[in-house]
């Protein structure tokens, strides 16, 4: 398992870059109280997409949260490295609350 962490770190960096290219701002915040163990989620704030992630989350939780968020977007016109695209295509389909529906106001986009 020694080689797994560098691969996961690389995947996280690729996902962060992909999110940025899609106009998604990622913030790592320290969650407190009853949400202290929540991984985070994607929301829309003043028309911009924001992905707030728990700074206490492990590498795999961060990868899953970012992958889940960006898989909601149309990635056909976005360049992704082949291994990253394959990873994203292997994820379960997101629920039918994709950002292309243009939610009104500052509605959160639920994450499983």
PDB file of N, CA and C in Angstrom:
ATOM      1  N   UNK A   1       0.820  -1.201   0.000  1.00  0.00           N
ATOM      2  CA  UNK A   1       0.000   0.000   0.000  1.00  0.00           C
ATOM      3  C   UNK A   1       0.863   1.265   0.000  1.00  0.00           C
ATOM      4  N   UNK A   2       2.167   1.117   0.052  1.00  0.00           N
ATOM      5  CA  UNK A   2       3.056   2.257   0.149  1.00  0.00           C
ATOM      6  C   UNK A   2       2.891   3.222  -1.025  1.00  0.00           C
ATOM      7  N   UNK A   3       2.670   2.716  -2.226  1.00  0.00           N
ATOM      8  CA  UNK A   3       2.543   3.554  -3.403  1.00  0.00           C
ATOM      9  C   UNK A   3       1.171   4.179  -3.580  1.00  0.00           C
ATOM     10  N   UNK A   4       0.214   3.846  -2.723  1.00  0.00           N
ATOM     11  CA  UNK A   4      -1.153   4.328  -2.879  1.00  0.00           C
ATOM     12  C   UNK A   4      -1.295   5.809  -2.536  1.00  0.00           C
ATOM     13  N   UNK A   5      -0.649   6.276  -1.483  1.00  0.00           N
ATOM     14  CA  UNK A   5      -0.793   7.670  -1.055  1.00  0.00           C
ATOM     15  C   UNK A   5      -0.324   8.662  -2.121  1.00  0.00           C
ATOM     16  N   UNK A   6       0.847   8.475  -2.746  1.00  0.00           N
ATOM     17  CA  UNK A   6       1.241   9.422  -3.800  1.00  0.00           C
ATOM     18  C   UNK A   6       0.269   9.419  -4.983  1.00  0.00           C
ATOM     19  N   UNK A   7      -0.269   8.251  -5.333  1.00  0.00           N
ATOM     20  CA  UNK A   7      -1.256   8.176  -6.419  1.00  0.00           C
ATOM     21  C   UNK A   7      -2.521   8.937  -6.042  1.00  0.00           C
ATOM     22  N   UNK A   8      -2.965   8.757  -4.796  1.00  0.00           N
ATOM     23  CA  UNK A   8      -4.167   9.456  -4.338  1.00  0.00           C
ATOM     24  C   UNK A   8      -3.927  10.959  -4.283  1.00  0.00           C
ATOM     25  N   UNK A   9      -2.751  11.372  -3.837  1.00  0.00           N
ATOM     26  CA  UNK A   9      -2.430  12.799  -3.785  1.00  0.00           C
ATOM     27  C   UNK A   9      -2.454  13.396  -5.193  1.00  0.00           C
ATOM     28  N   UNK A  10      -1.911  12.674  -6.148  1.00  0.00           N
ATOM     29  CA  UNK A  10      -1.908  13.127  -7.544  1.00  0.00           C
ATOM     30  C   UNK A  10      -3.341  13.241  -8.063  1.00  0.00           C
ATOM     31  N   UNK A  11      -4.178  12.246  -7.749  1.00  0.00           N
ATOM     32  CA  UNK A  11      -5.579  12.278  -8.179  1.00  0.00           C
ATOM     33  C   UNK A  11      -6.299  13.467  -7.555  1.00  0.00           C
ATOM     34  N   UNK A  12      -6.044  13.732  -6.273  1.00  0.00           N
ATOM     35  CA  UNK A  12      -6.661  14.874  -5.607  1.00  0.00           C
ATOM     36  C   UNK A  12      -6.276  16.168  -6.320  1.00  0.00           C
ATOM     37  N   UNK A  13      -5.006  16.324  -6.641  1.00  0.00           N
ATOM     38  CA  UNK A  13      -4.541  17.530  -7.327  1.00  0.00           C
ATOM     39  C   UNK A  13      -5.198  17.667  -8.699  1.00  0.00           C
ATOM     40  N   UNK A  14      -5.332  16.560  -9.421  1.00  0.00           N
ATOM     41  CA  UNK A  14      -5.984  16.593 -10.735  1.00  0.00           C
ATOM     42  C   UNK A  14      -7.459  16.977 -10.601  1.00  0.00           C
ATOM     43  N   UNK A  15      -8.116  16.455  -9.582  1.00  0.00           N
ATOM     44  CA  UNK A  15      -9.520  16.789  -9.356  1.00  0.00           C
ATOM     45  C   UNK A  15      -9.678  18.258  -8.976  1.00  0.00           C
ATOM     46  N   UNK A  16      -8.774  18.768  -8.143  1.00  0.00           N
ATOM     47  CA  UNK A  16      -8.826  20.181  -7.770  1.00  0.00           C
ATOM     48  C   UNK A  16      -8.643  21.069  -9.001  1.00  0.00           C
ATOM     49  N   UNK A  17      -7.726  20.698  -9.879  1.00  0.00           N
ATOM     50  CA  UNK A  17      -7.507  21.452 -11.118  1.00  0.00           C
ATOM     51  C   UNK A  17      -8.740  21.395 -12.013  1.00  0.00           C
ATOM     52  N   UNK A  18      -9.347  20.225 -12.121  1.00  0.00           N
ATOM     53  CA  UNK A  18     -10.552  20.079 -12.942  1.00  0.00           C
ATOM     54  C   UNK A  18     -11.685  20.934 -12.381  1.00  0.00           C
ATOM     55  N   UNK A  19     -11.851  20.924 -11.063  1.00  0.00           N
ATOM     56  CA  UNK A  19     -12.886  21.739 -10.430  1.00  0.00           C
ATOM     57  C   UNK A  19     -12.649  23.216 -10.734  1.00  0.00           C
ATOM     58  N   UNK A  20     -11.409  23.641 -10.615  1.00  0.00           N
ATOM     59  CA  UNK A  20     -11.070  25.038 -10.892  1.00  0.00           C
ATOM     60  C   UNK A  20     -11.404  25.391 -12.341  1.00  0.00           C
ATOM     61  N   UNK A  21     -11.095  24.501 -13.277  1.00  0.00           N
ATOM     62  CA  UNK A  21     -11.377  24.775 -14.688  1.00  0.00           C
ATOM     63  C   UNK A  21     -12.880  24.832 -14.966  1.00  0.00           C
ATOM     64  N   UNK A  22     -13.676  24.209 -14.110  1.00  0.00           N
ATOM     65  CA  UNK A  22     -15.135  24.247 -14.241  1.00  0.00           C
ATOM     66  C   UNK A  22     -15.746  25.434 -13.497  1.00  0.00           C
ATOM     67  N   UNK A  23     -14.899  26.235 -12.855  1.00  0.00           N
ATOM     68  CA  UNK A  23     -15.385  27.398 -12.122  1.00  0.00           C
ATOM     69  C   UNK A  23     -15.873  27.085 -10.725  1.00  0.00           C
ATOM     70  N   UNK A  24     -15.429  25.972 -10.169  1.00  0.00           N
ATOM     71  CA  UNK A  24     -15.819  25.588  -8.810  1.00  0.00           C
ATOM     72  C   UNK A  24     -14.704  26.006  -7.858  1.00  0.00           C
ATOM     73  N   UNK A  25     -15.044  26.841  -6.906  1.00  0.00           N
ATOM     74  CA  UNK A  25     -14.071  27.212  -5.873  1.00  0.00           C
ATOM     75  C   UNK A  25     -14.119  26.148  -4.785  1.00  0.00           C
ATOM     76  N   UNK A  26     -12.958  25.699  -4.350  1.00  0.00           N
ATOM     77  CA  UNK A  26     -12.885  24.706  -3.277  1.00  0.00           C
ATOM     78  C   UNK A  26     -12.330  25.381  -2.031  1.00  0.00           C
ATOM     79  N   UNK A  27     -13.036  25.192  -0.928  1.00  0.00           N
ATOM     80  CA  UNK A  27     -12.568  25.701   0.366  1.00  0.00           C
ATOM     81  C   UNK A  27     -12.505  24.540   1.347  1.00  0.00           C
ATOM     82  N   UNK A  28     -11.410  24.496   2.081  1.00  0.00           N
ATOM     83  CA  UNK A  28     -11.271  23.519   3.160  1.00  0.00           C
ATOM     84  C   UNK A  28     -11.525  24.261   4.463  1.00  0.00           C
ATOM     85  N   UNK A  29     -12.548  23.838   5.179  1.00  0.00           N
ATOM     86  CA  UNK A  29     -12.954  24.490   6.421  1.00  0.00           C
ATOM     87  C   UNK A  29     -12.980  23.463   7.553  1.00  0.00           C
ATOM     88  N   UNK A  30     -12.735  23.937   8.757  1.00  0.00           N
ATOM     89  CA  UNK A  30     -12.820  23.087   9.941  1.00  0.00           C
ATOM     90  C   UNK A  30     -14.282  23.035  10.372  1.00  0.00           C
ATOM     91  N   UNK A  31     -14.899  21.874  10.253  1.00  0.00           N
ATOM     92  CA  UNK A  31     -16.292  21.711  10.641  1.00  0.00           C
ATOM     93  C   UNK A  31     -16.349  21.451  12.141  1.00  0.00           C
ATOM     94  N   UNK A  32     -17.347  22.050  12.785  1.00  0.00           N
ATOM     95  CA  UNK A  32     -17.511  21.890  14.231  1.00  0.00           C
ATOM     96  C   UNK A  32     -18.937  21.473  14.542  1.00  0.00           C
ATOM     97  N   UNK A  33     -19.151  21.070  15.777  1.00  0.00           N
ATOM     98  CA  UNK A  33     -20.487  20.720  16.236  1.00  0.00           C
ATOM     99  C   UNK A  33     -20.997  19.438  15.624  1.00  0.00           C
ATOM    100  N   UNK A  34     -22.301  19.399  15.360  1.00  0.00           N
ATOM    101  CA  UNK A  34     -22.919  18.169  14.857  1.00  0.00           C
ATOM    102  C   UNK A  34     -22.459  17.821  13.449  1.00  0.00           C
ATOM    103  N   UNK A  35     -21.868  18.767  12.714  1.00  0.00           N
ATOM    104  CA  UNK A  35     -21.374  18.511  11.361  1.00  0.00           C
ATOM    105  C   UNK A  35     -19.880  18.216  11.327  1.00  0.00           C
ATOM    106  N   UNK A  36     -19.283  17.984  12.472  1.00  0.00           N
ATOM    107  CA  UNK A  36     -17.830  17.824  12.555  1.00  0.00           C
ATOM    108  C   UNK A  36     -17.294  16.687  11.697  1.00  0.00           C
ATOM    109  N   UNK A  37     -18.091  15.673  11.432  1.00  0.00           N
ATOM    110  CA  UNK A  37     -17.611  14.534  10.653  1.00  0.00           C
ATOM    111  C   UNK A  37     -18.143  14.526   9.222  1.00  0.00           C
ATOM    112  N   UNK A  38     -18.922  15.527   8.846  1.00  0.00           N
ATOM    113  CA  UNK A  38     -19.460  15.592   7.479  1.00  0.00           C
ATOM    114  C   UNK A  38     -18.325  15.850   6.489  1.00  0.00           C
ATOM    115  N   UNK A  39     -18.382  15.228   5.294  1.00  0.00           N
ATOM    116  CA  UNK A  39     -17.309  15.433   4.319  1.00  0.00           C
ATOM    117  C   UNK A  39     -17.374  16.792   3.640  1.00  0.00           C
ATOM    118  N   UNK A  40     -18.561  17.364   3.538  1.00  0.00           N
ATOM    119  CA  UNK A  40     -18.726  18.641   2.851  1.00  0.00           C
ATOM    120  C   UNK A  40     -19.703  18.503   1.707  1.00  0.00           C
ATOM    121  N   UNK A  41     -19.754  19.530   0.866  1.00  0.00           N
ATOM    122  CA  UNK A  41     -20.681  19.459  -0.253  1.00  0.00           C
ATOM    123  C   UNK A  41     -20.595  20.663  -1.158  1.00  0.00           C
ATOM    124  N   UNK A  42     -21.273  20.545  -2.275  1.00  0.00           N
ATOM    125  CA  UNK A  42     -21.308  21.565  -3.310  1.00  0.00           C
ATOM    126  C   UNK A  42     -22.532  22.443  -3.102  1.00  0.00           C
ATOM    127  N   UNK A  43     -22.337  23.748  -3.231  1.00  0.00           N
ATOM    128  CA  UNK A  43     -23.460  24.666  -3.149  1.00  0.00           C
ATOM    129  C   UNK A  43     -23.247  25.788  -4.159  1.00  0.00           C
ATOM    130  N   UNK A  44     -24.257  26.597  -4.291  1.00  0.00           N
ATOM    131  CA  UNK A  44     -24.176  27.741  -5.186  1.00  0.00           C
ATOM    132  C   UNK A  44     -24.382  28.978  -4.340  1.00  0.00           C
ATOM    133  N   UNK A  45     -23.431  29.899  -4.397  1.00  0.00           N
ATOM    134  CA  UNK A  45     -23.469  31.102  -3.590  1.00  0.00           C
ATOM    135  C   UNK A  45     -23.304  32.300  -4.504  1.00  0.00           C
ATOM    136  N   UNK A  46     -24.328  33.136  -4.556  1.00  0.00           N
ATOM    137  CA  UNK A  46     -24.316  34.329  -5.414  1.00  0.00           C
ATOM    138  C   UNK A  46     -23.956  33.984  -6.853  1.00  0.00           C
ATOM    139  N   UNK A  47     -24.492  32.875  -7.332  1.00  0.00           N
ATOM    140  CA  UNK A  47     -24.290  32.468  -8.715  1.00  0.00           C
ATOM    141  C   UNK A  47     -23.023  31.680  -8.987  1.00  0.00           C
ATOM    142  N   UNK A  48     -22.156  31.544  -8.001  1.00  0.00           N
ATOM    143  CA  UNK A  48     -20.903  30.811  -8.174  1.00  0.00           C
ATOM    144  C   UNK A  48     -20.974  29.483  -7.429  1.00  0.00           C
ATOM    145  N   UNK A  49     -20.299  28.482  -7.992  1.00  0.00           N
ATOM    146  CA  UNK A  49     -20.250  27.175  -7.344  1.00  0.00           C
ATOM    147  C   UNK A  49     -19.123  27.140  -6.333  1.00  0.00           C
ATOM    148  N   UNK A  50     -19.442  26.603  -5.168  1.00  0.00           N
ATOM    149  CA  UNK A  50     -18.504  26.523  -4.062  1.00  0.00           C
ATOM    150  C   UNK A  50     -18.579  25.113  -3.487  1.00  0.00           C
ATOM    151  N   UNK A  51     -17.427  24.494  -3.363  1.00  0.00           N
ATOM    152  CA  UNK A  51     -17.340  23.166  -2.756  1.00  0.00           C
ATOM    153  C   UNK A  51     -16.623  23.342  -1.427  1.00  0.00           C
ATOM    154  N   UNK A  52     -17.353  23.142  -0.348  1.00  0.00           N
ATOM    155  CA  UNK A  52     -16.786  23.290   0.991  1.00  0.00           C
ATOM    156  C   UNK A  52     -16.498  21.895   1.516  1.00  0.00           C
ATOM    157  N   UNK A  53     -15.236  21.670   1.855  1.00  0.00           N
ATOM    158  CA  UNK A  53     -14.807  20.359   2.338  1.00  0.00           C
ATOM    159  C   UNK A  53     -14.283  20.468   3.759  1.00  0.00           C
ATOM    160  N   UNK A  54     -14.510  19.423   4.523  1.00  0.00           N
ATOM    161  CA  UNK A  54     -14.026  19.348   5.891  1.00  0.00           C
ATOM    162  C   UNK A  54     -12.509  19.188   5.873  1.00  0.00           C
ATOM    163  N   UNK A  55     -11.815  20.106   6.519  1.00  0.00           N
ATOM    164  CA  UNK A  55     -10.350  20.036   6.537  1.00  0.00           C
ATOM    165  C   UNK A  55      -9.845  18.818   7.305  1.00  0.00           C
ATOM    166  N   UNK A  56     -10.712  18.187   8.084  1.00  0.00           N
ATOM    167  CA  UNK A  56     -10.327  16.974   8.814  1.00  0.00           C
ATOM    168  C   UNK A  56     -10.489  15.712   7.971  1.00  0.00           C
ATOM    169  N   UNK A  57     -11.100  15.846   6.812  1.00  0.00           N
ATOM    170  CA  UNK A  57     -11.335  14.682   5.951  1.00  0.00           C
ATOM    171  C   UNK A  57     -10.023  14.101   5.465  1.00  0.00           C
ATOM    172  N   UNK A  58     -10.013  12.801   5.311  1.00  0.00           N
ATOM    173  CA  UNK A  58      -8.847  12.123   4.767  1.00  0.00           C
ATOM    174  C   UNK A  58      -8.778  12.298   3.259  1.00  0.00           C
ATOM    175  N   UNK A  59      -7.689  11.841   2.708  1.00  0.00           N
ATOM    176  CA  UNK A  59      -7.436  11.970   1.278  1.00  0.00           C
ATOM    177  C   UNK A  59      -8.542  11.326   0.444  1.00  0.00           C
ATOM    178  N   UNK A  60      -8.936  10.111   0.791  1.00  0.00           N
ATOM    179  CA  UNK A  60      -9.958   9.424  -0.009  1.00  0.00           C
ATOM    180  C   UNK A  60     -11.312  10.116   0.091  1.00  0.00           C
ATOM    181  N   UNK A  61     -11.651  10.676   1.270  1.00  0.00           N
ATOM    182  CA  UNK A  61     -12.917  11.402   1.402  1.00  0.00           C
ATOM    183  C   UNK A  61     -12.904  12.668   0.564  1.00  0.00           C
ATOM    184  N   UNK A  62     -11.769  13.356   0.518  1.00  0.00           N
ATOM    185  CA  UNK A  62     -11.651  14.564  -0.306  1.00  0.00           C
ATOM    186  C   UNK A  62     -11.793  14.212  -1.778  1.00  0.00           C
ATOM    187  N   UNK A  63     -11.125  13.141  -2.188  1.00  0.00           N
ATOM    188  CA  UNK A  63     -11.213  12.688  -3.581  1.00  0.00           C
ATOM    189  C   UNK A  63     -12.661  12.381  -3.938  1.00  0.00           C
ATOM    190  N   UNK A  64     -13.340  11.627  -3.087  1.00  0.00           N
ATOM    191  CA  UNK A  64     -14.727  11.249  -3.364  1.00  0.00           C
ATOM    192  C   UNK A  64     -15.648  12.461  -3.417  1.00  0.00           C
ATOM    193  N   UNK A  65     -15.454  13.417  -2.510  1.00  0.00           N
ATOM    194  CA  UNK A  65     -16.314  14.605  -2.479  1.00  0.00           C
ATOM    195  C   UNK A  65     -16.120  15.464  -3.725  1.00  0.00           C
ATOM    196  N   UNK A  66     -14.865  15.678  -4.131  1.00  0.00           N
ATOM    197  CA  UNK A  66     -14.610  16.497  -5.322  1.00  0.00           C
ATOM    198  C   UNK A  66     -15.090  15.769  -6.569  1.00  0.00           C
ATOM    199  N   UNK A  67     -14.808  14.477  -6.648  1.00  0.00           N
ATOM    200  CA  UNK A  67     -15.241  13.693  -7.809  1.00  0.00           C
ATOM    201  C   UNK A  67     -16.760  13.710  -7.931  1.00  0.00           C
ATOM    202  N   UNK A  68     -17.452  13.550  -6.818  1.00  0.00           N
ATOM    203  CA  UNK A  68     -18.909  13.576  -6.831  1.00  0.00           C
ATOM    204  C   UNK A  68     -19.420  14.930  -7.307  1.00  0.00           C
ATOM    205  N   UNK A  69     -18.786  15.997  -6.852  1.00  0.00           N
ATOM    206  CA  UNK A  69     -19.215  17.346  -7.242  1.00  0.00           C
ATOM    207  C   UNK A  69     -18.987  17.598  -8.725  1.00  0.00           C
ATOM    208  N   UNK A  70     -17.793  17.300  -9.225  1.00  0.00           N
ATOM    209  CA  UNK A  70     -17.525  17.641 -10.628  1.00  0.00           C
ATOM    210  C   UNK A  70     -18.213  16.692 -11.600  1.00  0.00           C
ATOM    211  N   UNK A  71     -18.572  15.502 -11.131  1.00  0.00           N
ATOM    212  CA  UNK A  71     -19.262  14.574 -12.033  1.00  0.00           C
ATOM    213  C   UNK A  71     -20.682  15.047 -12.347  1.00  0.00           C
ATOM    214  N   UNK A  72     -21.169  16.043 -11.635  1.00  0.00           N
ATOM    215  CA  UNK A  72     -22.489  16.621 -11.897  1.00  0.00           C
ATOM    216  C   UNK A  72     -22.469  17.558 -13.101  1.00  0.00           C
ATOM    217  N   UNK A  73     -21.280  17.950 -13.521  1.00  0.00           N
ATOM    218  CA  UNK A  73     -21.124  18.905 -14.616  1.00  0.00           C
ATOM    219  C   UNK A  73     -20.899  18.180 -15.934  1.00  0.00           C
ATOM    220  N   UNK A  74     -21.164  18.880 -17.031  1.00  0.00           N
ATOM    221  CA  UNK A  74     -20.868  18.355 -18.362  1.00  0.00           C
ATOM    222  C   UNK A  74     -19.361  18.470 -18.568  1.00  0.00           C
ATOM    223  N   UNK A  75     -18.690  17.343 -18.627  1.00  0.00           N
ATOM    224  CA  UNK A  75     -17.230  17.318 -18.745  1.00  0.00           C
ATOM    225  C   UNK A  75     -16.761  17.081 -20.175  1.00  0.00           C
ATOM    226  N   UNK A  76     -17.692  17.028 -21.113  1.00  0.00           N
ATOM    227  CA  UNK A  76     -17.323  16.686 -22.489  1.00  0.00           C
ATOM    228  C   UNK A  76     -16.376  17.701 -23.123  1.00  0.00           C
ATOM    229  N   UNK A  77     -16.469  18.974 -22.747  1.00  0.00           N
ATOM    230  CA  UNK A  77     -15.604  19.999 -23.335  1.00  0.00           C
ATOM    231  C   UNK A  77     -14.408  20.330 -22.439  1.00  0.00           C
ATOM    232  N   UNK A  78     -14.258  19.601 -21.341  1.00  0.00           N
ATOM    233  CA  UNK A  78     -13.172  19.857 -20.394  1.00  0.00           C
ATOM    234  C   UNK A  78     -12.084  18.816 -20.584  1.00  0.00           C
ATOM    235  N   UNK A  79     -10.833  19.289 -20.742  1.00  0.00           N
ATOM    236  CA  UNK A  79      -9.737  18.330 -20.872  1.00  0.00           C
ATOM    237  C   UNK A  79      -9.463  17.702 -19.512  1.00  0.00           C
ATOM    238  N   UNK A  80      -9.462  16.391 -19.496  1.00  0.00           N
ATOM    239  CA  UNK A  80      -9.086  15.620 -18.312  1.00  0.00           C
ATOM    240  C   UNK A  80      -8.099  14.563 -18.759  1.00  0.00           C
ATOM    241  N   UNK A  81      -7.118  14.297 -17.933  1.00  0.00           N
ATOM    242  CA  UNK A  81      -6.192  13.212 -18.252  1.00  0.00           C
ATOM    243  C   UNK A  81      -7.006  11.926 -18.365  1.00  0.00           C
ATOM    244  N   UNK A  82      -6.622  11.045 -19.287  1.00  0.00           N
ATOM    245  CA  UNK A  82      -7.419   9.828 -19.516  1.00  0.00           C
ATOM    246  C   UNK A  82      -7.709   9.025 -18.249  1.00  0.00           C
ATOM    247  N   UNK A  83      -6.716   8.879 -17.366  1.00  0.00           N
ATOM    248  CA  UNK A  83      -6.954   8.088 -16.151  1.00  0.00           C
ATOM    249  C   UNK A  83      -7.949   8.772 -15.221  1.00  0.00           C
ATOM    250  N   UNK A  84      -7.973  10.115 -15.215  1.00  0.00           N
ATOM    251  CA  UNK A  84      -8.935  10.835 -14.385  1.00  0.00           C
ATOM    252  C   UNK A  84     -10.338  10.715 -14.984  1.00  0.00           C
ATOM    253  N   UNK A  85     -10.450  10.855 -16.287  1.00  0.00           N
ATOM    254  CA  UNK A  85     -11.752  10.707 -16.952  1.00  0.00           C
ATOM    255  C   UNK A  85     -12.310   9.298 -16.714  1.00  0.00           C
ATOM    256  N   UNK A  86     -11.446   8.297 -16.815  1.00  0.00           N
ATOM    257  CA  UNK A  86     -11.866   6.914 -16.573  1.00  0.00           C
ATOM    258  C   UNK A  86     -12.355   6.741 -15.136  1.00  0.00           C
ATOM    259  N   UNK A  87     -11.642   7.333 -14.186  1.00  0.00           N
ATOM    260  CA  UNK A  87     -12.046   7.278 -12.782  1.00  0.00           C
ATOM    261  C   UNK A  87     -13.431   7.897 -12.605  1.00  0.00           C
ATOM    262  N   UNK A  88     -13.639   9.077 -13.182  1.00  0.00           N
ATOM    263  CA  UNK A  88     -14.919   9.771 -13.044  1.00  0.00           C
ATOM    264  C   UNK A  88     -16.051   9.011 -13.727  1.00  0.00           C
ATOM    265  N   UNK A  89     -15.772   8.418 -14.867  1.00  0.00           N
ATOM    266  CA  UNK A  89     -16.800   7.653 -15.580  1.00  0.00           C
ATOM    267  C   UNK A  89     -17.178   6.385 -14.827  1.00  0.00           C
ATOM    268  N   UNK A  90     -16.313   5.916 -13.945  1.00  0.00           N
ATOM    269  CA  UNK A  90     -16.594   4.728 -13.152  1.00  0.00           C
ATOM    270  C   UNK A  90     -17.426   5.002 -11.916  1.00  0.00           C
ATOM    271  N   UNK A  91     -17.678   6.280 -11.626  1.00  0.00           N
ATOM    272  CA  UNK A  91     -18.484   6.643 -10.461  1.00  0.00           C
ATOM    273  C   UNK A  91     -19.960   6.412 -10.745  1.00  0.00           C
ATOM    274  N   UNK A  92     -20.750   6.170  -9.691  1.00  0.00           N
ATOM    275  CA  UNK A  92     -22.193   6.071  -9.893  1.00  0.00           C
ATOM    276  C   UNK A  92     -22.724   7.399 -10.432  1.00  0.00           C
ATOM    277  N   UNK A  93     -23.769   7.347 -11.232  1.00  0.00           N
ATOM    278  CA  UNK A  93     -24.360   8.565 -11.793  1.00  0.00           C
ATOM    279  C   UNK A  93     -24.903   9.433 -10.677  1.00  0.00           C
ATOM    280  N   UNK A  94     -24.679  10.759 -10.774  1.00  0.00           N
ATOM    281  CA  UNK A  94     -25.237  11.654  -9.755  1.00  0.00           C
ATOM    282  C   UNK A  94     -26.754  11.703  -9.882  1.00  0.00           C
ATOM    283  N   UNK A  95     -27.402  12.103  -8.796  1.00  0.00           N
ATOM    284  CA  UNK A  95     -28.852  12.246  -8.833  1.00  0.00           C
ATOM    285  C   UNK A  95     -29.199  13.337  -9.829  1.00  0.00           C
ATOM    286  N   UNK A  96     -30.449  13.452 -10.153  1.00  0.00           N
ATOM    287  CA  UNK A  96     -30.875  14.390 -11.180  1.00  0.00           C
ATOM    288  C   UNK A  96     -30.977  15.812 -10.630  1.00  0.00           C
ATOM    289  N   UNK A  97     -29.902  16.304 -10.002  1.00  0.00           N
ATOM    290  CA  UNK A  97     -29.879  17.684  -9.519  1.00  0.00           C
ATOM    291  C   UNK A  97     -28.641  18.379 -10.058  1.00  0.00           C
ATOM    292  N   UNK A  98     -28.355  18.113 -11.304  1.00  0.00           N
ATOM    293  CA  UNK A  98     -27.157  18.634 -11.936  1.00  0.00           C
ATOM    294  C   UNK A  98     -27.200  20.146 -12.036  1.00  0.00           C
ATOM    295  N   UNK A  99     -26.022  20.800 -11.968  1.00  0.00           N
ATOM    296  CA  UNK A  99     -25.971  22.254 -12.056  1.00  0.00           C
ATOM    297  C   UNK A  99     -26.521  22.796 -13.362  1.00  0.00           C
ATOM    298  N   UNK A 100     -26.610  21.986 -14.398  1.00  0.00           N
ATOM    299  CA  UNK A 100     -27.141  22.466 -15.668  1.00  0.00           C
ATOM    300  C   UNK A 100     -28.612  22.866 -15.546  1.00  0.00           C
ATOM    301  N   UNK A 101     -29.252  22.451 -14.459  1.00  0.00           N
ATOM    302  CA  UNK A 101     -30.640  22.832 -14.226  1.00  0.00           C
ATOM    303  C   UNK A 101     -30.757  24.256 -13.713  1.00  0.00           C
ATOM    304  N   UNK A 102     -29.632  24.906 -13.452  1.00  0.00           N
ATOM    305  CA  UNK A 102     -29.596  26.272 -12.955  1.00  0.00           C
ATOM    306  C   UNK A 102     -30.510  26.467 -11.748  1.00  0.00           C
ATOM    307  N   UNK A 103     -30.102  25.952 -10.574  1.00  0.00           N
ATOM    308  CA  UNK A 103     -30.909  26.162  -9.378  1.00  0.00           C
ATOM    309  C   UNK A 103     -31.066  27.656  -9.101  1.00  0.00           C
ATOM    310  N   UNK A 104     -32.169  28.038  -8.557  1.00  0.00           N
ATOM    311  CA  UNK A 104     -32.435  29.440  -8.266  1.00  0.00           C
ATOM    312  C   UNK A 104     -31.892  29.801  -6.891  1.00  0.00           C
ATOM    313  N   UNK A 105     -31.378  31.016  -6.751  1.00  0.00           N
ATOM    314  CA  UNK A 105     -30.896  31.494  -5.465  1.00  0.00           C
ATOM    315  C   UNK A 105     -29.645  30.778  -5.017  1.00  0.00           C
ATOM    316  N   UNK A 106     -29.497  30.670  -3.726  1.00  0.00           N
ATOM    317  CA  UNK A 106     -28.320  30.051  -3.128  1.00  0.00           C
ATOM    318  C   UNK A 106     -28.686  28.685  -2.573  1.00  0.00           C
ATOM    319  N   UNK A 107     -29.212  27.824  -3.432  1.00  0.00           N
ATOM    320  CA  UNK A 107     -29.655  26.504  -3.010  1.00  0.00           C
ATOM    321  C   UNK A 107     -28.483  25.548  -2.897  1.00  0.00           C
ATOM    322  N   UNK A 108     -28.446  24.742  -1.830  1.00  0.00           N
ATOM    323  CA  UNK A 108     -27.398  23.719  -1.759  1.00  0.00           C
ATOM    324  C   UNK A 108     -27.712  22.587  -2.724  1.00  0.00           C
ATOM    325  N   UNK A 109     -26.679  21.969  -3.245  1.00  0.00           N
ATOM    326  CA  UNK A 109     -26.839  20.778  -4.066  1.00  0.00           C
ATOM    327  C   UNK A 109     -26.506  19.605  -3.173  1.00  0.00           C
ATOM    328  N   UNK A 110     -27.502  18.813  -2.861  1.00  0.00           N
ATOM    329  CA  UNK A 110     -27.321  17.704  -1.929  1.00  0.00           C
ATOM    330  C   UNK A 110     -26.261  16.732  -2.402  1.00  0.00           C
ATOM    331  N   UNK A 111     -25.480  16.238  -1.449  1.00  0.00           N
ATOM    332  CA  UNK A 111     -24.460  15.235  -1.744  1.00  0.00           C
ATOM    333  C   UNK A 111     -24.732  14.036  -0.874  1.00  0.00           C
ATOM    334  N   UNK A 112     -24.623  12.871  -1.467  1.00  0.00           N
ATOM    335  CA  UNK A 112     -24.886  11.647  -0.710  1.00  0.00           C
ATOM    336  C   UNK A 112     -23.732  11.317   0.178  1.00  0.00           C
TER     337      UNK A 112
END
